[in-house]
Amino acid sequence: MARQPKVIHSDPDILDGTPVFVGTRVPVQNLIDCLEAGDSLDDFLNSFPTVKKEQAVAALEIAREALESSAHSYR
């Protein structure tokens, strides 16, 4: 399986190490917060135009994989 390009970055010099989308200062938490509030992915992308759709989708895929992995570890 090909490795996905890195879409999330954490650097102590950028927002004190808060995970952000690579090439931006947009925290990944903003995506989660928008979706939790009922906003669509397009709403998020319109609010944060420096984030590419591919980055947001990849971040959601990473979260899904982490959740699935975590769920499997409890079986």
N, C-alpha and C. Protein backbone atom coordinates (compact mmCIF):
# COMPACT_ATOMS: atom_id res chain seq x y z
N MET A 1 0.85 -1.18 0.00
CA MET A 1 0.00 0.00 0.00
C MET A 1 0.89 1.24 0.00
N ALA A 2 0.58 2.19 -0.87
CA ALA A 2 1.36 3.42 -0.96
C ALA A 2 1.10 4.30 0.25
N ARG A 3 2.13 4.94 0.71
CA ARG A 3 2.00 5.82 1.87
C ARG A 3 1.44 7.16 1.43
N GLN A 4 0.44 7.63 2.17
CA GLN A 4 -0.17 8.91 1.84
C GLN A 4 0.79 10.04 2.21
N PRO A 5 0.75 11.13 1.45
CA PRO A 5 1.56 12.29 1.83
C PRO A 5 1.08 12.83 3.18
N LYS A 6 1.99 13.40 3.92
CA LYS A 6 1.65 13.94 5.23
C LYS A 6 0.71 15.13 5.08
N VAL A 7 -0.40 15.10 5.79
CA VAL A 7 -1.37 16.18 5.71
C VAL A 7 -1.52 16.93 7.02
N ILE A 8 -1.04 16.33 8.10
CA ILE A 8 -1.12 16.95 9.43
C ILE A 8 0.30 17.12 9.96
N HIS A 9 0.54 18.26 10.56
CA HIS A 9 1.88 18.58 11.05
C HIS A 9 1.77 19.20 12.43
N SER A 10 2.71 18.88 13.28
CA SER A 10 2.77 19.49 14.61
C SER A 10 4.18 20.02 14.82
N ASP A 11 4.28 21.30 15.11
CA ASP A 11 5.57 21.97 15.29
C ASP A 11 5.43 22.91 16.48
N PRO A 12 6.33 22.81 17.45
CA PRO A 12 6.22 23.69 18.63
C PRO A 12 6.23 25.18 18.28
N ASP A 13 6.76 25.53 17.11
CA ASP A 13 6.80 26.94 16.70
C ASP A 13 5.52 27.39 15.99
N ILE A 14 4.60 26.45 15.73
CA ILE A 14 3.33 26.80 15.08
C ILE A 14 2.20 26.48 16.06
N LEU A 15 1.56 27.51 16.56
CA LEU A 15 0.44 27.37 17.51
C LEU A 15 0.79 26.43 18.67
N ASP A 16 2.01 26.56 19.17
CA ASP A 16 2.48 25.78 20.32
C ASP A 16 2.37 24.27 20.12
N GLY A 17 2.51 23.82 18.88
CA GLY A 17 2.50 22.38 18.60
C GLY A 17 1.13 21.80 18.31
N THR A 18 0.11 22.63 18.23
CA THR A 18 -1.22 22.16 17.88
C THR A 18 -1.17 21.52 16.49
N PRO A 19 -1.74 20.34 16.31
CA PRO A 19 -1.74 19.73 14.97
C PRO A 19 -2.50 20.61 13.97
N VAL A 20 -1.83 20.94 12.87
CA VAL A 20 -2.41 21.78 11.82
C VAL A 20 -2.29 21.07 10.48
N PHE A 21 -3.04 21.54 9.51
CA PHE A 21 -2.89 21.03 8.15
C PHE A 21 -1.56 21.55 7.59
N VAL A 22 -0.81 20.66 6.95
CA VAL A 22 0.49 21.02 6.39
C VAL A 22 0.34 22.23 5.47
N GLY A 23 1.26 23.18 5.62
CA GLY A 23 1.27 24.37 4.78
C GLY A 23 0.29 25.45 5.22
N THR A 24 -0.36 25.23 6.38
CA THR A 24 -1.32 26.21 6.89
C THR A 24 -1.09 26.39 8.38
N ARG A 25 -1.85 27.29 8.95
CA ARG A 25 -1.90 27.44 10.41
C ARG A 25 -3.29 27.07 10.91
N VAL A 26 -4.00 26.26 10.14
CA VAL A 26 -5.37 25.86 10.47
C VAL A 26 -5.33 24.58 11.29
N PRO A 27 -5.76 24.64 12.55
CA PRO A 27 -5.78 23.44 13.38
C PRO A 27 -6.75 22.39 12.82
N VAL A 28 -6.35 21.14 12.89
CA VAL A 28 -7.22 20.04 12.46
C VAL A 28 -8.48 20.03 13.31
N GLN A 29 -8.37 20.45 14.56
CA GLN A 29 -9.54 20.50 15.45
C GLN A 29 -10.64 21.37 14.86
N ASN A 30 -10.29 22.38 14.07
CA ASN A 30 -11.31 23.22 13.44
C ASN A 30 -12.21 22.40 12.53
N LEU A 31 -11.63 21.44 11.81
CA LEU A 31 -12.43 20.57 10.95
C LEU A 31 -13.40 19.74 11.78
N ILE A 32 -12.90 19.15 12.85
CA ILE A 32 -13.75 18.34 13.73
C ILE A 32 -14.86 19.20 14.33
N ASP A 33 -14.51 20.39 14.80
CA ASP A 33 -15.50 21.29 15.41
C ASP A 33 -16.59 21.67 14.40
N CYS A 34 -16.19 21.97 13.18
CA CYS A 34 -17.18 22.33 12.14
C CYS A 34 -18.13 21.18 11.86
N LEU A 35 -17.58 19.98 11.71
CA LEU A 35 -18.43 18.82 11.43
C LEU A 35 -19.35 18.52 12.60
N GLU A 36 -18.83 18.63 13.83
CA GLU A 36 -19.66 18.41 15.01
C GLU A 36 -20.81 19.41 15.09
N ALA A 37 -20.56 20.62 14.61
CA ALA A 37 -21.59 21.66 14.65
C ALA A 37 -22.63 21.47 13.54
N GLY A 38 -22.41 20.49 12.67
CA GLY A 38 -23.35 20.23 11.60
C GLY A 38 -23.01 20.90 10.29
N ASP A 39 -21.86 21.56 10.24
CA ASP A 39 -21.42 22.17 8.99
C ASP A 39 -20.94 21.09 8.03
N SER A 40 -21.02 21.38 6.75
CA SER A 40 -20.54 20.43 5.75
C SER A 40 -19.04 20.61 5.53
N LEU A 41 -18.45 19.66 4.83
CA LEU A 41 -17.04 19.78 4.48
C LEU A 41 -16.83 21.01 3.61
N ASP A 42 -17.76 21.27 2.70
CA ASP A 42 -17.64 22.47 1.85
C ASP A 42 -17.70 23.75 2.69
N ASP A 43 -18.54 23.77 3.73
CA ASP A 43 -18.58 24.93 4.62
C ASP A 43 -17.22 25.16 5.25
N PHE A 44 -16.62 24.07 5.75
CA PHE A 44 -15.29 24.17 6.36
C PHE A 44 -14.28 24.72 5.35
N LEU A 45 -14.27 24.15 4.16
CA LEU A 45 -13.31 24.57 3.14
C LEU A 45 -13.51 26.02 2.73
N ASN A 46 -14.75 26.48 2.70
CA ASN A 46 -15.01 27.89 2.39
C ASN A 46 -14.52 28.79 3.51
N SER A 47 -14.61 28.32 4.75
CA SER A 47 -14.15 29.11 5.89
C SER A 47 -12.64 29.13 6.01
N PHE A 48 -11.99 28.07 5.53
CA PHE A 48 -10.53 27.93 5.63
C PHE A 48 -9.96 27.60 4.26
N PRO A 49 -9.89 28.60 3.37
CA PRO A 49 -9.49 28.35 1.99
C PRO A 49 -8.05 27.88 1.79
N THR A 50 -7.22 27.99 2.81
CA THR A 50 -5.84 27.50 2.66
C THR A 50 -5.76 25.98 2.78
N VAL A 51 -6.83 25.35 3.28
CA VAL A 51 -6.87 23.89 3.39
C VAL A 51 -7.47 23.34 2.10
N LYS A 52 -6.75 22.39 1.50
CA LYS A 52 -7.25 21.75 0.28
C LYS A 52 -8.21 20.63 0.65
N LYS A 53 -9.17 20.39 -0.24
CA LYS A 53 -10.16 19.34 0.00
C LYS A 53 -9.46 18.00 0.23
N GLU A 54 -8.42 17.72 -0.53
CA GLU A 54 -7.69 16.46 -0.39
C GLU A 54 -7.10 16.32 1.00
N GLN A 55 -6.63 17.44 1.58
CA GLN A 55 -6.07 17.41 2.93
C GLN A 55 -7.16 17.08 3.95
N ALA A 56 -8.31 17.72 3.83
CA ALA A 56 -9.39 17.49 4.78
C ALA A 56 -9.89 16.05 4.70
N VAL A 57 -10.06 15.54 3.49
CA VAL A 57 -10.52 14.16 3.31
C VAL A 57 -9.48 13.20 3.87
N ALA A 58 -8.21 13.46 3.61
CA ALA A 58 -7.15 12.59 4.13
C ALA A 58 -7.12 12.61 5.66
N ALA A 59 -7.34 13.77 6.26
CA ALA A 59 -7.37 13.85 7.72
C ALA A 59 -8.52 13.04 8.28
N LEU A 60 -9.67 13.09 7.62
CA LEU A 60 -10.82 12.29 8.07
C LEU A 60 -10.54 10.80 7.91
N GLU A 61 -9.84 10.45 6.85
CA GLU A 61 -9.47 9.04 6.65
C GLU A 61 -8.51 8.57 7.75
N ILE A 62 -7.57 9.41 8.12
CA ILE A 62 -6.64 9.08 9.20
C ILE A 62 -7.42 8.87 10.50
N ALA A 63 -8.39 9.75 10.77
CA ALA A 63 -9.20 9.61 11.98
C ALA A 63 -10.01 8.32 11.94
N ARG A 64 -10.59 8.01 10.80
CA ARG A 64 -11.37 6.77 10.67
C ARG A 64 -10.49 5.56 10.92
N GLU A 65 -9.31 5.54 10.33
CA GLU A 65 -8.40 4.40 10.51
C GLU A 65 -7.99 4.26 11.98
N ALA A 66 -7.74 5.38 12.64
CA ALA A 66 -7.37 5.35 14.06
C ALA A 66 -8.51 4.80 14.91
N LEU A 67 -9.73 5.22 14.60
CA LEU A 67 -10.89 4.72 15.34
C LEU A 67 -11.10 3.23 15.11
N GLU A 68 -10.96 2.80 13.87
CA GLU A 68 -11.11 1.38 13.58
C GLU A 68 -10.04 0.55 14.27
N SER A 69 -8.81 1.06 14.24
CA SER A 69 -7.71 0.36 14.89
C SER A 69 -7.94 0.27 16.39
N SER A 70 -8.42 1.35 16.97
CA SER A 70 -8.70 1.37 18.40
C SER A 70 -9.83 0.41 18.75
N ALA A 71 -10.84 0.38 17.93
CA ALA A 71 -11.98 -0.53 18.18
C ALA A 71 -11.55 -1.98 18.07
N HIS A 72 -10.67 -2.28 17.12
CA HIS A 72 -10.19 -3.66 16.94
C HIS A 72 -9.31 -4.09 18.11
N SER A 73 -8.64 -3.16 18.74
CA SER A 73 -7.74 -3.53 19.84
C SER A 73 -8.51 -3.93 21.09
N TYR A 74 -9.80 -3.60 21.16
CA TYR A 74 -10.61 -3.97 22.32
C TYR A 74 -11.34 -5.30 22.14
N ARG A 75 -11.17 -5.93 20.99
CA ARG A 75 -11.85 -7.20 20.75
C ARG A 75 -11.13 -8.32 21.42
